Amino acid sequence: MAGVAFCLFSASVNAQQTWEAKKNPTVDSINAKYADKMITTQRPAVTIEQIYPAIGQYQSTVNTDAASVTITPDEQSKGVVWVTGLPQGKVKAMLKKSPATYRIPPQMSEDGKEIPEGTLIFDKDANTLQISIGKSFNEADPASAFLPQPVEVVAEPTVKVKSDKVKIKTNKEKEKVAETKVWMYSGTKIEKSTASNQ
């Protein structure tokens, strides 16, 4: 009877032990062959600059009135950024197309200046920022804001003859449409320098 009790006791102890691959000698010998070739599955955390690549600092050699421009994320709204360093003042831009096409809505600056609608696009491949203020955002083709303005062709005055009288219609009689002056910016992103342990 004692022998049967001992067998049952050892069987219950063995049943409570769980099998672990890490403690298996066969698994250890296989892993040892490939230990230096294994790739870790952990990836570094994605930064906000990787999600919104337009965020950062820019330098321009073309725009002397805005030599240094900074784009920072809004603290409460994802997809909204603030552009500082422009002659118009601090400007709000809203993400329209990922990763870096923004619409600048018409707004009032902090000092009460009216800022018309515009477009902001960061080209990650060229590492450049382009801003157009004063031209409406084009949903179908946002980059069209940076194309040169079409030149208006002024026609020669027309002459209409009615019986003996001659009427000359000049260009001054055309309706004049108030145009907003378009302001353009082009700058290069300043890359953050990373310290290395060498």
N, C-alpha and C. Protein backbone atom coordinates (compact mmCIF):
# COMPACT_ATOMS: atom_id res chain seq x y z
N MET A 1 0.80 -1.17 0.00
CA MET A 1 0.00 0.00 0.00
C MET A 1 0.86 1.26 0.00
N ALA A 2 1.94 1.21 0.71
CA ALA A 2 2.85 2.34 0.77
C ALA A 2 3.42 2.62 -0.61
N GLY A 3 3.71 1.57 -1.38
CA GLY A 3 4.26 1.74 -2.73
C GLY A 3 3.28 2.43 -3.65
N VAL A 4 2.00 2.11 -3.53
CA VAL A 4 0.96 2.72 -4.37
C VAL A 4 0.81 4.19 -4.00
N ALA A 5 0.85 4.49 -2.70
CA ALA A 5 0.73 5.87 -2.25
C ALA A 5 1.90 6.70 -2.75
N PHE A 6 3.11 6.12 -2.73
CA PHE A 6 4.30 6.84 -3.22
C PHE A 6 4.19 7.12 -4.71
N CYS A 7 3.72 6.16 -5.48
CA CYS A 7 3.56 6.34 -6.93
C CYS A 7 2.54 7.43 -7.22
N LEU A 8 1.44 7.44 -6.49
CA LEU A 8 0.42 8.47 -6.70
C LEU A 8 0.95 9.86 -6.32
N PHE A 9 1.71 9.93 -5.26
CA PHE A 9 2.29 11.19 -4.83
C PHE A 9 3.27 11.74 -5.86
N SER A 10 4.16 10.88 -6.39
CA SER A 10 5.14 11.33 -7.39
C SER A 10 4.46 11.70 -8.70
N ALA A 11 3.37 11.01 -9.04
CA ALA A 11 2.62 11.33 -10.26
C ALA A 11 1.97 12.70 -10.11
N SER A 12 1.44 13.02 -8.93
CA SER A 12 0.78 14.32 -8.74
C SER A 12 1.81 15.45 -8.73
N VAL A 13 3.00 15.22 -8.20
CA VAL A 13 4.07 16.23 -8.21
C VAL A 13 4.51 16.49 -9.64
N ASN A 14 4.70 15.45 -10.44
CA ASN A 14 5.10 15.62 -11.85
C ASN A 14 4.01 16.32 -12.67
N ALA A 15 2.76 16.09 -12.35
CA ALA A 15 1.66 16.72 -13.09
C ALA A 15 1.59 18.21 -12.80
N GLN A 16 2.01 18.65 -11.62
CA GLN A 16 1.97 20.06 -11.26
C GLN A 16 3.10 20.85 -11.91
N GLN A 17 4.17 20.22 -12.31
CA GLN A 17 5.28 20.92 -12.96
C GLN A 17 4.90 21.23 -14.41
N THR A 18 5.16 22.45 -14.82
CA THR A 18 4.85 22.83 -16.20
C THR A 18 6.12 22.77 -17.03
N TRP A 19 5.93 22.50 -18.31
CA TRP A 19 7.06 22.40 -19.22
C TRP A 19 7.45 23.80 -19.68
N GLU A 20 8.74 24.12 -19.63
CA GLU A 20 9.23 25.42 -20.06
C GLU A 20 10.27 25.20 -21.14
N ALA A 21 10.09 25.89 -22.26
CA ALA A 21 11.02 25.75 -23.39
C ALA A 21 12.41 26.23 -23.03
N LYS A 22 12.49 27.25 -22.18
CA LYS A 22 13.79 27.81 -21.82
C LYS A 22 14.66 26.82 -21.04
N LYS A 23 14.02 25.88 -20.35
CA LYS A 23 14.76 24.91 -19.56
C LYS A 23 14.99 23.60 -20.30
N ASN A 24 14.54 23.51 -21.53
CA ASN A 24 14.69 22.30 -22.33
C ASN A 24 16.08 22.29 -22.97
N PRO A 25 16.90 21.24 -22.76
CA PRO A 25 18.26 21.20 -23.33
C PRO A 25 18.27 21.18 -24.86
N THR A 26 17.27 20.60 -25.50
CA THR A 26 17.22 20.58 -26.96
C THR A 26 16.99 22.00 -27.50
N VAL A 27 16.08 22.74 -26.89
CA VAL A 27 15.81 24.12 -27.31
C VAL A 27 17.04 24.97 -27.09
N ASP A 28 17.73 24.77 -25.95
CA ASP A 28 18.95 25.53 -25.66
C ASP A 28 20.03 25.29 -26.71
N SER A 29 20.21 24.05 -27.14
CA SER A 29 21.25 23.76 -28.12
C SER A 29 20.90 24.36 -29.49
N ILE A 30 19.63 24.39 -29.86
CA ILE A 30 19.22 24.99 -31.13
C ILE A 30 19.39 26.51 -31.07
N ASN A 31 18.95 27.14 -29.96
CA ASN A 31 19.09 28.59 -29.81
C ASN A 31 20.54 29.03 -29.80
N ALA A 32 21.42 28.22 -29.23
CA ALA A 32 22.84 28.57 -29.16
C ALA A 32 23.44 28.73 -30.56
N LYS A 33 23.00 27.93 -31.53
CA LYS A 33 23.52 28.02 -32.90
C LYS A 33 23.17 29.36 -33.56
N TYR A 34 22.01 29.93 -33.18
CA TYR A 34 21.52 31.12 -33.87
C TYR A 34 21.48 32.37 -32.98
N ALA A 35 22.08 32.30 -31.81
CA ALA A 35 22.00 33.40 -30.86
C ALA A 35 22.53 34.71 -31.43
N ASP A 36 23.62 34.68 -32.19
CA ASP A 36 24.20 35.91 -32.75
C ASP A 36 23.46 36.39 -34.00
N LYS A 37 22.54 35.59 -34.52
CA LYS A 37 21.81 35.96 -35.74
C LYS A 37 20.37 36.39 -35.45
N MET A 38 19.96 36.32 -34.21
CA MET A 38 18.58 36.66 -33.86
C MET A 38 18.39 38.17 -33.87
N ILE A 39 17.21 38.59 -34.33
CA ILE A 39 16.86 40.00 -34.39
C ILE A 39 15.87 40.28 -33.27
N THR A 40 16.11 41.38 -32.58
CA THR A 40 15.18 41.73 -31.51
C THR A 40 13.88 42.25 -32.14
N THR A 41 12.78 41.95 -31.48
CA THR A 41 11.48 42.36 -32.01
C THR A 41 11.04 43.72 -31.48
N GLN A 42 11.75 44.27 -30.54
CA GLN A 42 11.38 45.56 -29.99
C GLN A 42 11.84 46.67 -30.92
N ARG A 43 10.92 47.57 -31.22
CA ARG A 43 11.23 48.74 -32.04
C ARG A 43 11.21 49.96 -31.14
N PRO A 44 12.02 50.97 -31.49
CA PRO A 44 11.96 52.18 -30.66
C PRO A 44 10.60 52.86 -30.80
N ALA A 45 10.20 53.55 -29.77
CA ALA A 45 8.90 54.23 -29.78
C ALA A 45 8.88 55.30 -30.87
N VAL A 46 7.73 55.46 -31.51
CA VAL A 46 7.57 56.46 -32.55
C VAL A 46 7.45 57.83 -31.90
N THR A 47 8.21 58.80 -32.41
CA THR A 47 8.18 60.15 -31.85
C THR A 47 7.12 60.99 -32.56
N ILE A 48 6.74 62.09 -31.94
CA ILE A 48 5.74 62.99 -32.54
C ILE A 48 6.27 63.60 -33.84
N GLU A 49 7.60 63.80 -33.92
CA GLU A 49 8.20 64.34 -35.14
C GLU A 49 8.12 63.34 -36.29
N GLN A 50 8.08 62.05 -35.98
CA GLN A 50 7.93 61.04 -37.03
C GLN A 50 6.48 60.97 -37.50
N ILE A 51 5.53 61.20 -36.60
CA ILE A 51 4.12 61.19 -36.97
C ILE A 51 3.78 62.46 -37.75
N TYR A 52 4.29 63.60 -37.28
CA TYR A 52 4.05 64.90 -37.92
C TYR A 52 5.41 65.49 -38.33
N PRO A 53 5.94 65.09 -39.49
CA PRO A 53 7.30 65.47 -39.86
C PRO A 53 7.52 66.97 -40.10
N ALA A 54 6.46 67.77 -40.20
CA ALA A 54 6.62 69.21 -40.41
C ALA A 54 7.11 69.91 -39.14
N ILE A 55 6.94 69.28 -37.99
CA ILE A 55 7.35 69.89 -36.72
C ILE A 55 8.87 70.03 -36.70
N GLY A 56 9.33 71.23 -36.35
CA GLY A 56 10.77 71.47 -36.27
C GLY A 56 11.13 72.91 -36.57
N GLN A 57 12.43 73.15 -36.80
CA GLN A 57 12.93 74.49 -37.09
C GLN A 57 13.42 74.54 -38.53
N TYR A 58 13.26 75.74 -39.14
CA TYR A 58 13.62 75.93 -40.54
C TYR A 58 14.42 77.20 -40.71
N GLN A 59 15.33 77.17 -41.67
CA GLN A 59 16.13 78.33 -42.04
C GLN A 59 15.86 78.66 -43.50
N SER A 60 15.81 79.95 -43.82
CA SER A 60 15.59 80.37 -45.20
C SER A 60 16.64 81.39 -45.60
N THR A 61 17.20 81.18 -46.77
CA THR A 61 18.13 82.17 -47.34
C THR A 61 17.38 83.07 -48.31
N VAL A 62 16.17 82.65 -48.69
CA VAL A 62 15.35 83.39 -49.65
C VAL A 62 14.53 84.46 -48.95
N ASN A 63 13.93 84.12 -47.81
CA ASN A 63 13.05 85.02 -47.08
C ASN A 63 13.80 85.72 -45.96
N THR A 64 14.25 86.94 -46.22
CA THR A 64 14.97 87.68 -45.19
C THR A 64 14.04 88.15 -44.08
N ASP A 65 12.73 88.29 -44.39
CA ASP A 65 11.77 88.71 -43.37
C ASP A 65 11.34 87.56 -42.46
N ALA A 66 11.73 86.34 -42.80
CA ALA A 66 11.43 85.16 -41.97
C ALA A 66 12.58 84.17 -42.09
N ALA A 67 13.75 84.58 -41.64
CA ALA A 67 14.95 83.74 -41.78
C ALA A 67 14.86 82.46 -40.96
N SER A 68 14.19 82.53 -39.80
CA SER A 68 14.07 81.36 -38.92
C SER A 68 12.60 81.15 -38.57
N VAL A 69 12.08 79.97 -38.90
CA VAL A 69 10.68 79.63 -38.66
C VAL A 69 10.63 78.36 -37.82
N THR A 70 9.70 78.31 -36.87
CA THR A 70 9.54 77.14 -36.02
C THR A 70 8.09 76.66 -36.08
N ILE A 71 7.92 75.34 -36.21
CA ILE A 71 6.59 74.73 -36.20
C ILE A 71 6.51 73.83 -34.98
N THR A 72 5.49 74.09 -34.15
CA THR A 72 5.28 73.32 -32.93
C THR A 72 3.87 72.75 -32.91
N PRO A 73 3.68 71.59 -32.27
CA PRO A 73 2.33 71.00 -32.20
C PRO A 73 1.46 71.75 -31.20
N ASP A 74 0.16 71.74 -31.46
CA ASP A 74 -0.80 72.30 -30.52
C ASP A 74 -0.92 71.33 -29.35
N GLU A 75 -1.00 71.85 -28.15
CA GLU A 75 -1.03 70.98 -26.97
C GLU A 75 -2.35 70.22 -26.81
N GLN A 76 -3.45 70.77 -27.37
CA GLN A 76 -4.75 70.13 -27.16
C GLN A 76 -5.29 69.42 -28.39
N SER A 77 -4.93 69.86 -29.58
CA SER A 77 -5.52 69.29 -30.80
C SER A 77 -4.46 68.61 -31.66
N LYS A 78 -4.66 67.32 -31.88
CA LYS A 78 -3.77 66.60 -32.78
C LYS A 78 -4.04 67.09 -34.20
N GLY A 79 -3.00 67.23 -34.99
CA GLY A 79 -3.17 67.68 -36.36
C GLY A 79 -3.18 69.19 -36.52
N VAL A 80 -3.05 69.92 -35.41
CA VAL A 80 -2.95 71.38 -35.48
C VAL A 80 -1.54 71.77 -35.05
N VAL A 81 -0.92 72.66 -35.85
CA VAL A 81 0.42 73.15 -35.52
C VAL A 81 0.41 74.67 -35.49
N TRP A 82 1.41 75.24 -34.84
CA TRP A 82 1.58 76.69 -34.77
C TRP A 82 2.90 77.04 -35.43
N VAL A 83 2.86 78.03 -36.31
CA VAL A 83 4.04 78.48 -37.04
C VAL A 83 4.44 79.85 -36.48
N THR A 84 5.66 79.95 -35.98
CA THR A 84 6.16 81.22 -35.46
C THR A 84 7.38 81.64 -36.27
N GLY A 85 7.63 82.95 -36.28
CA GLY A 85 8.77 83.49 -37.03
C GLY A 85 8.37 84.13 -38.36
N LEU A 86 7.08 84.11 -38.67
CA LEU A 86 6.59 84.72 -39.90
C LEU A 86 6.32 86.20 -39.67
N PRO A 87 6.42 87.04 -40.71
CA PRO A 87 6.11 88.46 -40.52
C PRO A 87 4.64 88.69 -40.17
N GLN A 88 3.76 87.75 -40.49
CA GLN A 88 2.35 87.87 -40.17
C GLN A 88 2.08 87.63 -38.69
N GLY A 89 3.03 87.02 -37.99
CA GLY A 89 2.85 86.68 -36.58
C GLY A 89 2.70 85.17 -36.43
N LYS A 90 2.20 84.76 -35.28
CA LYS A 90 1.98 83.34 -34.99
C LYS A 90 0.77 82.86 -35.79
N VAL A 91 0.95 81.80 -36.58
CA VAL A 91 -0.08 81.33 -37.50
C VAL A 91 -0.46 79.89 -37.16
N LYS A 92 -1.76 79.63 -37.18
CA LYS A 92 -2.30 78.29 -36.93
C LYS A 92 -2.48 77.57 -38.27
N ALA A 93 -2.10 76.28 -38.32
CA ALA A 93 -2.29 75.47 -39.53
C ALA A 93 -2.90 74.13 -39.13
N MET A 94 -3.82 73.63 -39.97
CA MET A 94 -4.53 72.39 -39.68
C MET A 94 -4.18 71.32 -40.70
N LEU A 95 -3.86 70.12 -40.23
CA LEU A 95 -3.49 69.01 -41.10
C LEU A 95 -4.65 68.62 -42.00
N LYS A 96 -4.40 68.59 -43.32
CA LYS A 96 -5.44 68.20 -44.28
C LYS A 96 -5.12 66.87 -44.92
N LYS A 97 -3.83 66.58 -45.08
CA LYS A 97 -3.42 65.33 -45.72
C LYS A 97 -2.11 64.89 -45.09
N SER A 98 -2.10 63.68 -44.55
CA SER A 98 -0.87 63.17 -43.91
C SER A 98 0.16 62.85 -44.98
N PRO A 99 1.44 63.01 -44.69
CA PRO A 99 1.96 63.36 -43.37
C PRO A 99 2.14 64.85 -43.14
N ALA A 100 2.20 65.70 -44.19
CA ALA A 100 2.58 67.09 -43.92
C ALA A 100 2.00 68.11 -44.89
N THR A 101 0.70 68.05 -45.15
CA THR A 101 0.03 69.07 -45.95
C THR A 101 -1.00 69.74 -45.05
N TYR A 102 -0.85 71.05 -44.86
CA TYR A 102 -1.67 71.79 -43.92
C TYR A 102 -2.41 72.93 -44.61
N ARG A 103 -3.61 73.22 -44.12
CA ARG A 103 -4.38 74.39 -44.55
C ARG A 103 -4.22 75.45 -43.48
N ILE A 104 -3.89 76.66 -43.90
CA ILE A 104 -3.84 77.79 -42.99
C ILE A 104 -5.18 78.50 -43.12
N PRO A 105 -6.04 78.40 -42.09
CA PRO A 105 -7.35 79.04 -42.19
C PRO A 105 -7.21 80.56 -42.03
N PRO A 106 -8.17 81.33 -42.57
CA PRO A 106 -8.14 82.77 -42.31
C PRO A 106 -8.24 82.99 -40.80
N GLN A 107 -7.45 83.92 -40.27
CA GLN A 107 -7.41 84.12 -38.83
C GLN A 107 -6.89 85.51 -38.50
N MET A 108 -6.99 85.85 -37.24
CA MET A 108 -6.45 87.12 -36.74
C MET A 108 -5.19 86.80 -35.96
N SER A 109 -4.16 87.60 -36.19
CA SER A 109 -2.92 87.40 -35.44
C SER A 109 -3.10 87.94 -34.02
N GLU A 110 -2.14 87.67 -33.16
CA GLU A 110 -2.21 88.12 -31.77
C GLU A 110 -2.27 89.64 -31.66
N ASP A 111 -1.66 90.33 -32.64
CA ASP A 111 -1.67 91.79 -32.61
C ASP A 111 -2.79 92.40 -33.46
N GLY A 112 -3.77 91.56 -33.86
CA GLY A 112 -4.96 92.07 -34.54
C GLY A 112 -4.88 92.18 -36.05
N LYS A 113 -3.83 91.64 -36.67
CA LYS A 113 -3.72 91.67 -38.13
C LYS A 113 -4.52 90.52 -38.73
N GLU A 114 -5.18 90.80 -39.87
CA GLU A 114 -5.91 89.75 -40.58
C GLU A 114 -4.93 88.92 -41.39
N ILE A 115 -4.99 87.61 -41.21
CA ILE A 115 -4.14 86.70 -41.98
C ILE A 115 -5.06 85.91 -42.90
N PRO A 116 -4.85 86.04 -44.23
CA PRO A 116 -5.72 85.31 -45.17
C PRO A 116 -5.39 83.82 -45.21
N GLU A 117 -6.22 83.07 -45.90
CA GLU A 117 -6.05 81.62 -46.04
C GLU A 117 -4.74 81.31 -46.75
N GLY A 118 -4.23 80.11 -46.48
CA GLY A 118 -2.98 79.71 -47.12
C GLY A 118 -2.74 78.21 -47.06
N THR A 119 -1.55 77.83 -47.47
CA THR A 119 -1.15 76.42 -47.55
C THR A 119 0.26 76.27 -46.99
N LEU A 120 0.48 75.15 -46.28
CA LEU A 120 1.81 74.81 -45.75
C LEU A 120 2.08 73.36 -46.14
N ILE A 121 3.21 73.12 -46.80
CA ILE A 121 3.57 71.76 -47.19
C ILE A 121 5.05 71.52 -46.83
N PHE A 122 5.29 70.41 -46.14
CA PHE A 122 6.67 69.98 -45.86
C PHE A 122 6.97 68.79 -46.75
N ASP A 123 8.04 68.89 -47.53
CA ASP A 123 8.49 67.81 -48.40
C ASP A 123 9.59 67.07 -47.66
N LYS A 124 9.27 65.87 -47.18
CA LYS A 124 10.22 65.09 -46.37
C LYS A 124 11.45 64.67 -47.18
N ASP A 125 11.25 64.32 -48.44
CA ASP A 125 12.38 63.89 -49.28
C ASP A 125 13.37 65.02 -49.54
N ALA A 126 12.86 66.21 -49.83
CA ALA A 126 13.73 67.37 -50.10
C ALA A 126 14.09 68.11 -48.82
N ASN A 127 13.42 67.77 -47.69
CA ASN A 127 13.66 68.40 -46.40
C ASN A 127 13.36 69.90 -46.44
N THR A 128 12.33 70.29 -47.20
CA THR A 128 12.00 71.71 -47.35
C THR A 128 10.56 71.99 -46.96
N LEU A 129 10.36 73.21 -46.48
CA LEU A 129 9.04 73.70 -46.09
C LEU A 129 8.64 74.82 -47.04
N GLN A 130 7.39 74.77 -47.51
CA GLN A 130 6.87 75.84 -48.34
C GLN A 130 5.58 76.35 -47.71
N ILE A 131 5.45 77.67 -47.65
CA ILE A 131 4.26 78.30 -47.12
C ILE A 131 3.77 79.33 -48.13
N SER A 132 2.48 79.32 -48.36
CA SER A 132 1.84 80.33 -49.22
C SER A 132 0.69 80.93 -48.41
N ILE A 133 0.71 82.24 -48.22
CA ILE A 133 -0.35 82.93 -47.50
C ILE A 133 -0.95 83.97 -48.44
N GLY A 134 -2.28 83.91 -48.59
CA GLY A 134 -2.97 84.85 -49.46
C GLY A 134 -3.58 84.19 -50.67
N LYS A 135 -3.43 82.89 -50.77
CA LYS A 135 -4.02 82.13 -51.87
C LYS A 135 -4.84 81.01 -51.24
N SER A 136 -6.06 80.82 -51.69
CA SER A 136 -6.96 79.82 -51.10
C SER A 136 -6.38 78.41 -51.19
N PHE A 137 -6.68 77.60 -50.17
CA PHE A 137 -6.25 76.21 -50.14
C PHE A 137 -7.03 75.43 -51.18
N ASN A 138 -6.34 74.67 -52.01
CA ASN A 138 -6.96 73.87 -53.06
C ASN A 138 -7.02 72.42 -52.59
N GLU A 139 -8.21 71.93 -52.27
CA GLU A 139 -8.38 70.56 -51.77
C GLU A 139 -7.85 69.52 -52.75
N ALA A 140 -8.12 69.71 -54.05
CA ALA A 140 -7.73 68.72 -55.06
C ALA A 140 -6.23 68.72 -55.31
N ASP A 141 -5.60 69.90 -55.27
CA ASP A 141 -4.17 70.01 -55.56
C ASP A 141 -3.54 71.09 -54.68
N PRO A 142 -3.23 70.76 -53.41
CA PRO A 142 -2.68 71.77 -52.50
C PRO A 142 -1.38 72.41 -53.00
N ALA A 143 -0.57 71.66 -53.73
CA ALA A 143 0.71 72.18 -54.23
C ALA A 143 0.53 73.28 -55.27
N SER A 144 -0.67 73.41 -55.82
CA SER A 144 -0.91 74.45 -56.81
C SER A 144 -0.76 75.85 -56.21
N ALA A 145 -0.80 75.96 -54.90
CA ALA A 145 -0.62 77.26 -54.24
C ALA A 145 0.78 77.83 -54.46
N PHE A 146 1.72 76.98 -54.87
CA PHE A 146 3.09 77.42 -55.04
C PHE A 146 3.48 77.63 -56.50
N LEU A 147 2.51 77.45 -57.40
CA LEU A 147 2.75 77.71 -58.81
C LEU A 147 2.73 79.22 -59.04
N PRO A 148 3.47 79.70 -60.04
CA PRO A 148 3.46 81.14 -60.32
C PRO A 148 2.05 81.61 -60.67
N GLN A 149 1.76 82.85 -60.28
CA GLN A 149 0.46 83.45 -60.57
C GLN A 149 0.31 83.63 -62.07
N PRO A 150 -0.87 83.32 -62.62
CA PRO A 150 -1.06 83.57 -64.05
C PRO A 150 -1.06 85.07 -64.32
N VAL A 151 -0.46 85.44 -65.43
CA VAL A 151 -0.38 86.84 -65.81
C VAL A 151 -1.65 87.22 -66.54
N GLU A 152 -2.27 88.30 -66.11
CA GLU A 152 -3.51 88.75 -66.75
C GLU A 152 -3.14 89.49 -68.03
N VAL A 153 -3.71 89.03 -69.13
CA VAL A 153 -3.46 89.67 -70.42
C VAL A 153 -4.45 90.81 -70.57
N VAL A 154 -3.92 92.00 -70.80
CA VAL A 154 -4.77 93.17 -70.96
C VAL A 154 -4.96 93.39 -72.46
N ALA A 155 -6.22 93.39 -72.86
CA ALA A 155 -6.53 93.56 -74.27
C ALA A 155 -6.47 95.03 -74.65
N GLU A 156 -6.21 95.27 -75.89
CA GLU A 156 -6.22 96.63 -76.42
C GLU A 156 -7.64 97.18 -76.37
N PRO A 157 -7.79 98.49 -76.25
CA PRO A 157 -9.15 99.04 -76.26
C PRO A 157 -9.88 98.67 -77.55
N THR A 158 -11.17 98.39 -77.38
CA THR A 158 -11.96 98.01 -78.55
C THR A 158 -12.69 99.23 -79.09
N VAL A 159 -12.89 99.24 -80.39
CA VAL A 159 -13.57 100.36 -81.04
C VAL A 159 -14.89 99.85 -81.61
N LYS A 160 -15.96 100.51 -81.21
CA LYS A 160 -17.26 100.15 -81.74
C LYS A 160 -17.78 101.34 -82.54
N VAL A 161 -18.26 101.05 -83.73
CA VAL A 161 -18.76 102.12 -84.58
C VAL A 161 -20.28 101.98 -84.67
N LYS A 162 -20.97 103.05 -84.28
CA LYS A 162 -22.42 103.12 -84.42
C LYS A 162 -22.71 104.38 -85.22
N SER A 163 -23.24 104.15 -86.34
CA SER A 163 -23.52 105.22 -87.30
C SER A 163 -22.34 106.16 -87.40
N ASP A 164 -22.49 107.42 -87.01
CA ASP A 164 -21.41 108.39 -87.17
C ASP A 164 -20.57 108.53 -85.91
N LYS A 165 -21.03 107.90 -84.80
CA LYS A 165 -20.32 108.09 -83.54
C LYS A 165 -19.35 106.93 -83.30
N VAL A 166 -18.22 107.24 -82.70
CA VAL A 166 -17.22 106.23 -82.36
C VAL A 166 -17.14 106.15 -80.83
N LYS A 167 -17.31 104.91 -80.31
CA LYS A 167 -17.21 104.72 -78.86
C LYS A 167 -16.00 103.84 -78.57
N ILE A 168 -15.15 104.31 -77.71
CA ILE A 168 -13.97 103.55 -77.33
C ILE A 168 -14.17 103.07 -75.89
N LYS A 169 -14.10 101.74 -75.73
CA LYS A 169 -14.25 101.14 -74.40
C LYS A 169 -12.84 100.84 -73.90
N THR A 170 -12.46 101.46 -72.83
CA THR A 170 -11.11 101.26 -72.30
C THR A 170 -11.13 100.24 -71.17
N ASN A 171 -9.94 99.82 -70.77
CA ASN A 171 -9.79 98.83 -69.69
C ASN A 171 -10.20 99.41 -68.35
N LYS A 172 -10.26 100.72 -68.23
CA LYS A 172 -10.63 101.34 -66.96
C LYS A 172 -12.08 101.05 -66.62
N GLU A 173 -12.90 100.75 -67.63
CA GLU A 173 -14.30 100.48 -67.39
C GLU A 173 -14.54 99.08 -66.84
N LYS A 174 -13.51 98.23 -66.89
CA LYS A 174 -13.65 96.87 -66.34
C LYS A 174 -13.73 96.95 -64.83
N GLU A 175 -14.46 96.01 -64.26
CA GLU A 175 -14.53 95.95 -62.80
C GLU A 175 -13.18 95.56 -62.25
N LYS A 176 -12.80 96.23 -61.20
CA LYS A 176 -11.53 95.90 -60.56
C LYS A 176 -11.82 95.00 -59.37
N VAL A 177 -11.14 93.88 -59.32
CA VAL A 177 -11.32 92.93 -58.23
C VAL A 177 -10.17 93.13 -57.25
N ALA A 178 -10.52 93.28 -56.00
CA ALA A 178 -9.48 93.46 -54.98
C ALA A 178 -8.70 92.16 -54.85
N GLU A 179 -7.41 92.26 -55.01
CA GLU A 179 -6.55 91.08 -54.93
C GLU A 179 -5.73 91.12 -53.66
N THR A 180 -5.60 89.97 -53.04
CA THR A 180 -4.76 89.83 -51.86
C THR A 180 -3.36 89.48 -52.35
N LYS A 181 -2.39 90.17 -51.80
CA LYS A 181 -1.01 89.89 -52.19
C LYS A 181 -0.61 88.54 -51.59
N VAL A 182 -0.04 87.68 -52.41
CA VAL A 182 0.38 86.34 -51.97
C VAL A 182 1.80 86.44 -51.43
N TRP A 183 1.99 85.91 -50.20
CA TRP A 183 3.31 85.88 -49.58
C TRP A 183 3.79 84.43 -49.59
N MET A 184 5.02 84.22 -50.04
CA MET A 184 5.58 82.86 -50.14
C MET A 184 6.80 82.72 -49.23
N TYR A 185 6.97 81.51 -48.72
CA TYR A 185 8.14 81.17 -47.89
C TYR A 185 8.70 79.85 -48.36
N SER A 186 10.02 79.74 -48.35
CA SER A 186 10.69 78.47 -48.63
C SER A 186 11.89 78.36 -47.70
N GLY A 187 11.96 77.24 -46.96
CA GLY A 187 13.05 77.05 -46.01
C GLY A 187 13.44 75.60 -45.89
N THR A 188 14.61 75.37 -45.33
CA THR A 188 15.16 74.03 -45.14
C THR A 188 15.12 73.67 -43.66
N LYS A 189 14.72 72.44 -43.38
CA LYS A 189 14.61 71.97 -42.00
C LYS A 189 15.99 71.80 -41.40
N ILE A 190 16.15 72.26 -40.16
CA ILE A 190 17.40 72.10 -39.42
C ILE A 190 17.32 70.75 -38.73
N GLU A 191 18.24 69.86 -39.07
CA GLU A 191 18.25 68.53 -38.47
C GLU A 191 18.81 68.61 -37.06
N LYS A 192 18.19 67.87 -36.14
CA LYS A 192 18.68 67.79 -34.77
C LYS A 192 19.95 66.96 -34.76
N SER A 193 20.98 67.46 -34.08
CA SER A 193 22.21 66.68 -33.97
C SER A 193 22.06 65.73 -32.81
N THR A 194 22.47 64.49 -33.04
CA THR A 194 22.37 63.48 -31.98
C THR A 194 23.75 63.15 -31.47
N ALA A 195 23.87 63.05 -30.17
CA ALA A 195 25.17 62.71 -29.56
C ALA A 195 25.42 61.23 -29.71
N SER A 196 26.65 60.89 -30.02
CA SER A 196 27.00 59.47 -30.16
C SER A 196 28.14 59.14 -29.20
N ASN A 197 28.13 57.91 -28.75
CA ASN A 197 29.18 57.45 -27.82
C ASN A 197 30.28 56.78 -28.63
N GLN A 198 31.25 57.56 -29.04
CA GLN A 198 32.36 57.00 -29.81
C GLN A 198 33.65 57.16 -29.06
